[in-house]
Amino acid sequence: MIQIKRIYEEKAPEDGQRILVDRLWPRGMSKKRAQLDEWMKDIAPSPSLRQFYHQHREDFTAFKSAYEAELAEDAEKQQALEELVQRARNGNVTLLYSSKNTATNNAKVLLEFLHAHYDV
């Protein structure tokens, strides 16, 4: 099972492996408190796409389409996706993000992409 969760929420036993999927480290979060198993920067949106989203938050549809294209076409992101799928087949995986917006964020797009393109 793969799920998403804000990194600022407390760790729970059902989290399984905790993987940060943001390119930047979350503000105010210590590495000890985060209790990560891994930080997958390469699966996060590219720096230019991240900047686009921060400048055009109202256009989530454009961000989502561009991020999905990156996930589908970028070799590093493809490798990271395969790794996530393997981990999910062996137990729970929680994709962690720092955005305050729980409805529209990169982790949500990533989770939807995984469900649409992989058997997880």
N, C-alpha and C. Protein backbone atom coordinates (compact mmCIF):
# COMPACT_ATOMS: atom_id res chain seq x y z
N MET A 1 0.84 -1.18 0.00
CA MET A 1 0.00 0.00 0.00
C MET A 1 0.89 1.24 0.00
N ILE A 2 0.49 2.22 -0.79
CA ILE A 2 1.16 3.51 -0.80
C ILE A 2 0.15 4.57 -0.39
N GLN A 3 0.57 5.45 0.51
CA GLN A 3 -0.27 6.55 0.96
C GLN A 3 0.57 7.81 1.03
N ILE A 4 -0.09 8.95 1.20
CA ILE A 4 0.62 10.21 1.36
C ILE A 4 0.27 10.82 2.71
N LYS A 5 1.21 11.68 3.18
CA LYS A 5 1.03 12.27 4.49
C LYS A 5 1.94 13.49 4.60
N ARG A 6 1.48 14.52 5.29
CA ARG A 6 2.36 15.66 5.55
C ARG A 6 3.47 15.23 6.49
N ILE A 7 4.66 15.68 6.22
CA ILE A 7 5.81 15.29 7.04
C ILE A 7 5.68 15.81 8.47
N TYR A 8 4.88 16.83 8.67
CA TYR A 8 4.71 17.41 10.00
C TYR A 8 3.79 16.59 10.91
N GLU A 9 3.10 15.61 10.32
CA GLU A 9 2.27 14.71 11.13
C GLU A 9 3.16 13.69 11.82
N GLU A 10 2.72 13.22 12.96
CA GLU A 10 3.51 12.24 13.71
C GLU A 10 3.63 10.92 12.95
N LYS A 11 4.72 10.24 13.16
CA LYS A 11 4.93 8.93 12.58
C LYS A 11 3.94 7.95 13.22
N ALA A 12 3.41 7.06 12.38
CA ALA A 12 2.46 6.05 12.86
C ALA A 12 2.97 4.67 12.44
N PRO A 13 2.62 3.63 13.18
CA PRO A 13 3.09 2.29 12.83
C PRO A 13 2.68 1.86 11.42
N GLU A 14 1.51 2.30 10.96
CA GLU A 14 1.03 1.90 9.63
C GLU A 14 1.73 2.66 8.50
N ASP A 15 2.59 3.61 8.82
CA ASP A 15 3.33 4.34 7.79
C ASP A 15 4.24 3.43 6.98
N GLY A 16 4.81 2.44 7.61
CA GLY A 16 5.79 1.61 6.92
C GLY A 16 7.02 2.44 6.60
N GLN A 17 7.52 2.31 5.39
CA GLN A 17 8.68 3.11 4.99
C GLN A 17 8.23 4.54 4.72
N ARG A 18 8.96 5.48 5.27
CA ARG A 18 8.63 6.90 5.13
C ARG A 18 9.62 7.53 4.17
N ILE A 19 9.09 8.05 3.05
CA ILE A 19 9.94 8.58 1.98
C ILE A 19 9.52 10.00 1.65
N LEU A 20 10.45 10.93 1.83
CA LEU A 20 10.20 12.32 1.48
C LEU A 20 10.31 12.47 -0.03
N VAL A 21 9.28 13.06 -0.65
CA VAL A 21 9.25 13.20 -2.11
C VAL A 21 9.26 14.68 -2.53
N ASP A 22 9.82 15.53 -1.70
CA ASP A 22 10.01 16.95 -2.02
C ASP A 22 11.46 17.18 -2.41
N ARG A 23 11.69 18.16 -3.24
CA ARG A 23 13.06 18.49 -3.65
C ARG A 23 13.80 19.25 -2.55
N LEU A 24 13.07 20.07 -1.79
CA LEU A 24 13.67 20.88 -0.73
C LEU A 24 13.32 20.30 0.63
N TRP A 25 14.24 20.45 1.59
CA TRP A 25 13.99 19.97 2.94
C TRP A 25 12.91 20.85 3.59
N PRO A 26 11.96 20.25 4.30
CA PRO A 26 10.86 21.00 4.94
C PRO A 26 11.35 21.94 6.05
N ARG A 27 10.81 23.13 6.04
CA ARG A 27 11.18 24.13 7.05
C ARG A 27 10.82 23.65 8.45
N GLY A 28 11.75 23.89 9.36
CA GLY A 28 11.50 23.61 10.77
C GLY A 28 11.48 22.13 11.13
N MET A 29 11.83 21.27 10.21
CA MET A 29 11.79 19.83 10.46
C MET A 29 13.22 19.31 10.64
N SER A 30 13.47 18.71 11.78
CA SER A 30 14.78 18.11 12.00
C SER A 30 14.79 16.71 11.38
N LYS A 31 15.96 16.23 11.05
CA LYS A 31 16.07 14.89 10.48
C LYS A 31 15.62 13.84 11.50
N LYS A 32 15.90 14.09 12.76
CA LYS A 32 15.48 13.15 13.81
C LYS A 32 13.96 13.08 13.89
N ARG A 33 13.31 14.23 13.88
CA ARG A 33 11.85 14.26 13.98
C ARG A 33 11.18 13.67 12.73
N ALA A 34 11.79 13.87 11.57
CA ALA A 34 11.21 13.38 10.32
C ALA A 34 11.14 11.85 10.28
N GLN A 35 12.11 11.20 10.88
CA GLN A 35 12.16 9.73 10.92
C GLN A 35 11.98 9.12 9.52
N LEU A 36 12.82 9.58 8.59
CA LEU A 36 12.74 9.12 7.20
C LEU A 36 13.49 7.81 7.00
N ASP A 37 13.02 7.06 6.03
CA ASP A 37 13.78 5.92 5.54
C ASP A 37 14.59 6.35 4.31
N GLU A 38 14.07 7.35 3.60
CA GLU A 38 14.78 7.84 2.43
C GLU A 38 14.22 9.19 2.01
N TRP A 39 15.07 9.95 1.33
CA TRP A 39 14.67 11.23 0.74
C TRP A 39 14.90 11.09 -0.76
N MET A 40 13.82 10.97 -1.53
CA MET A 40 13.91 10.80 -2.98
C MET A 40 13.71 12.14 -3.67
N LYS A 41 14.76 12.92 -3.72
CA LYS A 41 14.70 14.23 -4.38
C LYS A 41 14.44 14.08 -5.88
N ASP A 42 14.99 13.01 -6.47
CA ASP A 42 14.91 12.84 -7.92
C ASP A 42 13.50 12.60 -8.44
N ILE A 43 12.61 12.15 -7.56
CA ILE A 43 11.25 11.90 -8.01
C ILE A 43 10.37 13.15 -7.89
N ALA A 44 10.88 14.15 -7.20
CA ALA A 44 10.14 15.41 -7.04
C ALA A 44 10.10 16.17 -8.36
N PRO A 45 9.19 17.11 -8.49
CA PRO A 45 9.16 17.94 -9.70
C PRO A 45 10.51 18.64 -9.90
N SER A 46 10.87 18.85 -11.15
CA SER A 46 12.12 19.55 -11.47
C SER A 46 12.11 20.94 -10.85
N PRO A 47 13.29 21.52 -10.65
CA PRO A 47 13.32 22.87 -10.07
C PRO A 47 12.49 23.89 -10.87
N SER A 48 12.54 23.82 -12.18
CA SER A 48 11.76 24.79 -12.98
C SER A 48 10.26 24.56 -12.83
N LEU A 49 9.85 23.31 -12.74
CA LEU A 49 8.42 23.02 -12.56
C LEU A 49 7.97 23.42 -11.15
N ARG A 50 8.81 23.19 -10.17
CA ARG A 50 8.49 23.61 -8.80
C ARG A 50 8.31 25.12 -8.74
N GLN A 51 9.19 25.86 -9.40
CA GLN A 51 9.07 27.32 -9.43
C GLN A 51 7.79 27.75 -10.15
N PHE A 52 7.49 27.10 -11.26
CA PHE A 52 6.26 27.40 -11.99
C PHE A 52 5.06 27.26 -11.06
N TYR A 53 4.99 26.16 -10.32
CA TYR A 53 3.85 25.92 -9.44
C TYR A 53 3.75 26.99 -8.35
N HIS A 54 4.88 27.38 -7.78
CA HIS A 54 4.84 28.40 -6.73
C HIS A 54 4.41 29.76 -7.27
N GLN A 55 4.67 30.02 -8.55
CA GLN A 55 4.28 31.29 -9.14
C GLN A 55 2.87 31.25 -9.72
N HIS A 56 2.33 30.04 -9.96
CA HIS A 56 1.01 29.89 -10.58
C HIS A 56 0.18 28.85 -9.84
N ARG A 57 0.04 29.01 -8.56
CA ARG A 57 -0.68 28.01 -7.75
C ARG A 57 -2.11 27.78 -8.23
N GLU A 58 -2.68 28.79 -8.85
CA GLU A 58 -4.06 28.66 -9.33
C GLU A 58 -4.18 27.72 -10.52
N ASP A 59 -3.06 27.39 -11.15
CA ASP A 59 -3.08 26.54 -12.34
C ASP A 59 -2.54 25.15 -12.03
N PHE A 60 -3.20 24.48 -11.09
CA PHE A 60 -2.75 23.15 -10.69
C PHE A 60 -2.85 22.16 -11.85
N THR A 61 -3.83 22.33 -12.71
CA THR A 61 -4.00 21.41 -13.84
C THR A 61 -2.77 21.42 -14.74
N ALA A 62 -2.22 22.58 -15.01
CA ALA A 62 -1.01 22.68 -15.84
C ALA A 62 0.17 22.05 -15.13
N PHE A 63 0.31 22.32 -13.82
CA PHE A 63 1.38 21.70 -13.04
C PHE A 63 1.26 20.18 -13.07
N LYS A 64 0.06 19.68 -12.83
CA LYS A 64 -0.16 18.24 -12.79
C LYS A 64 0.22 17.60 -14.13
N SER A 65 -0.20 18.17 -15.22
CA SER A 65 0.13 17.63 -16.54
C SER A 65 1.63 17.63 -16.79
N ALA A 66 2.28 18.72 -16.43
CA ALA A 66 3.73 18.81 -16.64
C ALA A 66 4.48 17.82 -15.75
N TYR A 67 4.04 17.66 -14.51
CA TYR A 67 4.70 16.72 -13.60
C TYR A 67 4.47 15.28 -14.07
N GLU A 68 3.28 14.97 -14.51
CA GLU A 68 3.02 13.63 -15.04
C GLU A 68 3.91 13.34 -16.26
N ALA A 69 4.12 14.35 -17.09
CA ALA A 69 5.02 14.18 -18.25
C ALA A 69 6.44 13.91 -17.78
N GLU A 70 6.88 14.63 -16.76
CA GLU A 70 8.22 14.36 -16.21
C GLU A 70 8.31 12.94 -15.68
N LEU A 71 7.30 12.51 -14.95
CA LEU A 71 7.31 11.15 -14.39
C LEU A 71 7.35 10.10 -15.49
N ALA A 72 6.67 10.36 -16.59
CA ALA A 72 6.59 9.40 -17.69
C ALA A 72 7.83 9.39 -18.56
N GLU A 73 8.55 10.50 -18.62
CA GLU A 73 9.63 10.63 -19.59
C GLU A 73 11.03 10.67 -19.00
N ASP A 74 11.19 11.07 -17.77
CA ASP A 74 12.51 11.24 -17.17
C ASP A 74 13.05 9.91 -16.65
N ALA A 75 14.24 9.54 -17.09
CA ALA A 75 14.82 8.23 -16.73
C ALA A 75 15.06 8.10 -15.23
N GLU A 76 15.54 9.16 -14.57
CA GLU A 76 15.77 9.09 -13.12
C GLU A 76 14.45 8.92 -12.37
N LYS A 77 13.44 9.63 -12.82
CA LYS A 77 12.13 9.51 -12.17
C LYS A 77 11.55 8.11 -12.40
N GLN A 78 11.75 7.56 -13.58
CA GLN A 78 11.27 6.20 -13.88
C GLN A 78 11.93 5.19 -12.95
N GLN A 79 13.23 5.33 -12.73
CA GLN A 79 13.95 4.43 -11.84
C GLN A 79 13.42 4.56 -10.40
N ALA A 80 13.18 5.78 -9.96
CA ALA A 80 12.65 6.00 -8.62
C ALA A 80 11.23 5.43 -8.49
N LEU A 81 10.42 5.57 -9.55
CA LEU A 81 9.08 4.99 -9.54
C LEU A 81 9.14 3.48 -9.37
N GLU A 82 10.03 2.84 -10.10
CA GLU A 82 10.19 1.38 -10.00
C GLU A 82 10.59 0.98 -8.58
N GLU A 83 11.48 1.77 -7.98
CA GLU A 83 11.90 1.48 -6.62
C GLU A 83 10.74 1.62 -5.64
N LEU A 84 9.93 2.65 -5.82
CA LEU A 84 8.75 2.82 -4.95
C LEU A 84 7.78 1.65 -5.10
N VAL A 85 7.57 1.22 -6.32
CA VAL A 85 6.66 0.10 -6.57
C VAL A 85 7.18 -1.17 -5.87
N GLN A 86 8.46 -1.44 -5.97
CA GLN A 86 9.03 -2.61 -5.31
C GLN A 86 8.87 -2.52 -3.80
N ARG A 87 9.12 -1.35 -3.25
CA ARG A 87 8.96 -1.18 -1.80
C ARG A 87 7.51 -1.39 -1.39
N ALA A 88 6.57 -0.87 -2.18
CA ALA A 88 5.15 -1.02 -1.86
C ALA A 88 4.71 -2.48 -1.93
N ARG A 89 5.32 -3.24 -2.80
CA ARG A 89 4.98 -4.66 -2.90
C ARG A 89 5.47 -5.45 -1.70
N ASN A 90 6.42 -4.86 -0.96
CA ASN A 90 6.98 -5.53 0.22
C ASN A 90 6.44 -4.98 1.53
N GLY A 91 5.54 -4.01 1.47
CA GLY A 91 4.99 -3.44 2.70
C GLY A 91 4.47 -2.03 2.46
N ASN A 92 4.00 -1.41 3.51
CA ASN A 92 3.45 -0.07 3.41
C ASN A 92 4.54 0.96 3.10
N VAL A 93 4.16 1.95 2.31
CA VAL A 93 5.04 3.07 1.97
C VAL A 93 4.23 4.34 2.15
N THR A 94 4.82 5.31 2.85
CA THR A 94 4.18 6.61 3.01
C THR A 94 5.05 7.66 2.33
N LEU A 95 4.46 8.33 1.35
CA LEU A 95 5.13 9.42 0.65
C LEU A 95 4.88 10.70 1.43
N LEU A 96 5.94 11.33 1.86
CA LEU A 96 5.84 12.51 2.70
C LEU A 96 6.06 13.78 1.89
N TYR A 97 5.28 14.79 2.20
CA TYR A 97 5.40 16.10 1.54
C TYR A 97 5.25 17.18 2.59
N SER A 98 5.69 18.40 2.26
CA SER A 98 5.62 19.48 3.24
C SER A 98 4.55 20.52 2.95
N SER A 99 3.96 20.51 1.79
CA SER A 99 2.98 21.51 1.40
C SER A 99 1.83 21.61 2.41
N LYS A 100 1.41 22.85 2.66
CA LYS A 100 0.24 23.05 3.53
C LYS A 100 -1.04 22.65 2.82
N ASN A 101 -1.00 22.66 1.50
CA ASN A 101 -2.17 22.33 0.71
C ASN A 101 -2.27 20.80 0.56
N THR A 102 -3.21 20.22 1.25
CA THR A 102 -3.33 18.76 1.24
C THR A 102 -4.12 18.25 0.03
N ALA A 103 -4.81 19.14 -0.67
CA ALA A 103 -5.62 18.73 -1.81
C ALA A 103 -4.85 18.76 -3.13
N THR A 104 -3.95 19.72 -3.26
CA THR A 104 -3.21 19.85 -4.51
C THR A 104 -1.72 20.01 -4.19
N ASN A 105 -0.99 18.93 -4.38
CA ASN A 105 0.45 18.95 -4.14
C ASN A 105 1.12 17.87 -4.97
N ASN A 106 2.43 17.90 -5.02
CA ASN A 106 3.16 16.95 -5.85
C ASN A 106 3.00 15.49 -5.39
N ALA A 107 2.89 15.27 -4.09
CA ALA A 107 2.74 13.90 -3.59
C ALA A 107 1.41 13.29 -4.05
N LYS A 108 0.39 14.11 -4.09
CA LYS A 108 -0.92 13.62 -4.56
C LYS A 108 -0.85 13.23 -6.03
N VAL A 109 -0.19 14.07 -6.85
CA VAL A 109 -0.01 13.74 -8.26
C VAL A 109 0.80 12.46 -8.41
N LEU A 110 1.85 12.34 -7.63
CA LEU A 110 2.70 11.15 -7.67
C LEU A 110 1.91 9.90 -7.30
N LEU A 111 1.12 9.97 -6.25
CA LEU A 111 0.31 8.83 -5.83
C LEU A 111 -0.68 8.43 -6.92
N GLU A 112 -1.36 9.40 -7.50
CA GLU A 112 -2.31 9.11 -8.58
C GLU A 112 -1.61 8.50 -9.79
N PHE A 113 -0.42 9.00 -10.10
CA PHE A 113 0.35 8.46 -11.22
C PHE A 113 0.73 7.00 -10.96
N LEU A 114 1.17 6.71 -9.75
CA LEU A 114 1.53 5.33 -9.39
C LEU A 114 0.33 4.40 -9.53
N HIS A 115 -0.82 4.83 -9.04
CA HIS A 115 -2.02 3.99 -9.13
C HIS A 115 -2.48 3.80 -10.57
N ALA A 116 -2.29 4.83 -11.39
CA ALA A 116 -2.74 4.74 -12.79
C ALA A 116 -1.81 3.91 -13.67
N HIS A 117 -0.52 3.86 -13.34
CA HIS A 117 0.45 3.24 -14.23
C HIS A 117 1.13 1.98 -13.69
N TYR A 118 0.91 1.68 -12.43
CA TYR A 118 1.56 0.52 -11.79
C TYR A 118 0.55 -0.26 -10.97
N ASP A 119 0.83 -1.48 -10.73
CA ASP A 119 -0.04 -2.35 -9.95
C ASP A 119 0.32 -2.24 -8.47
N VAL A 120 -0.10 -1.14 -7.87
CA VAL A 120 0.15 -0.95 -6.42
C VAL A 120 -1.12 -0.53 -5.73
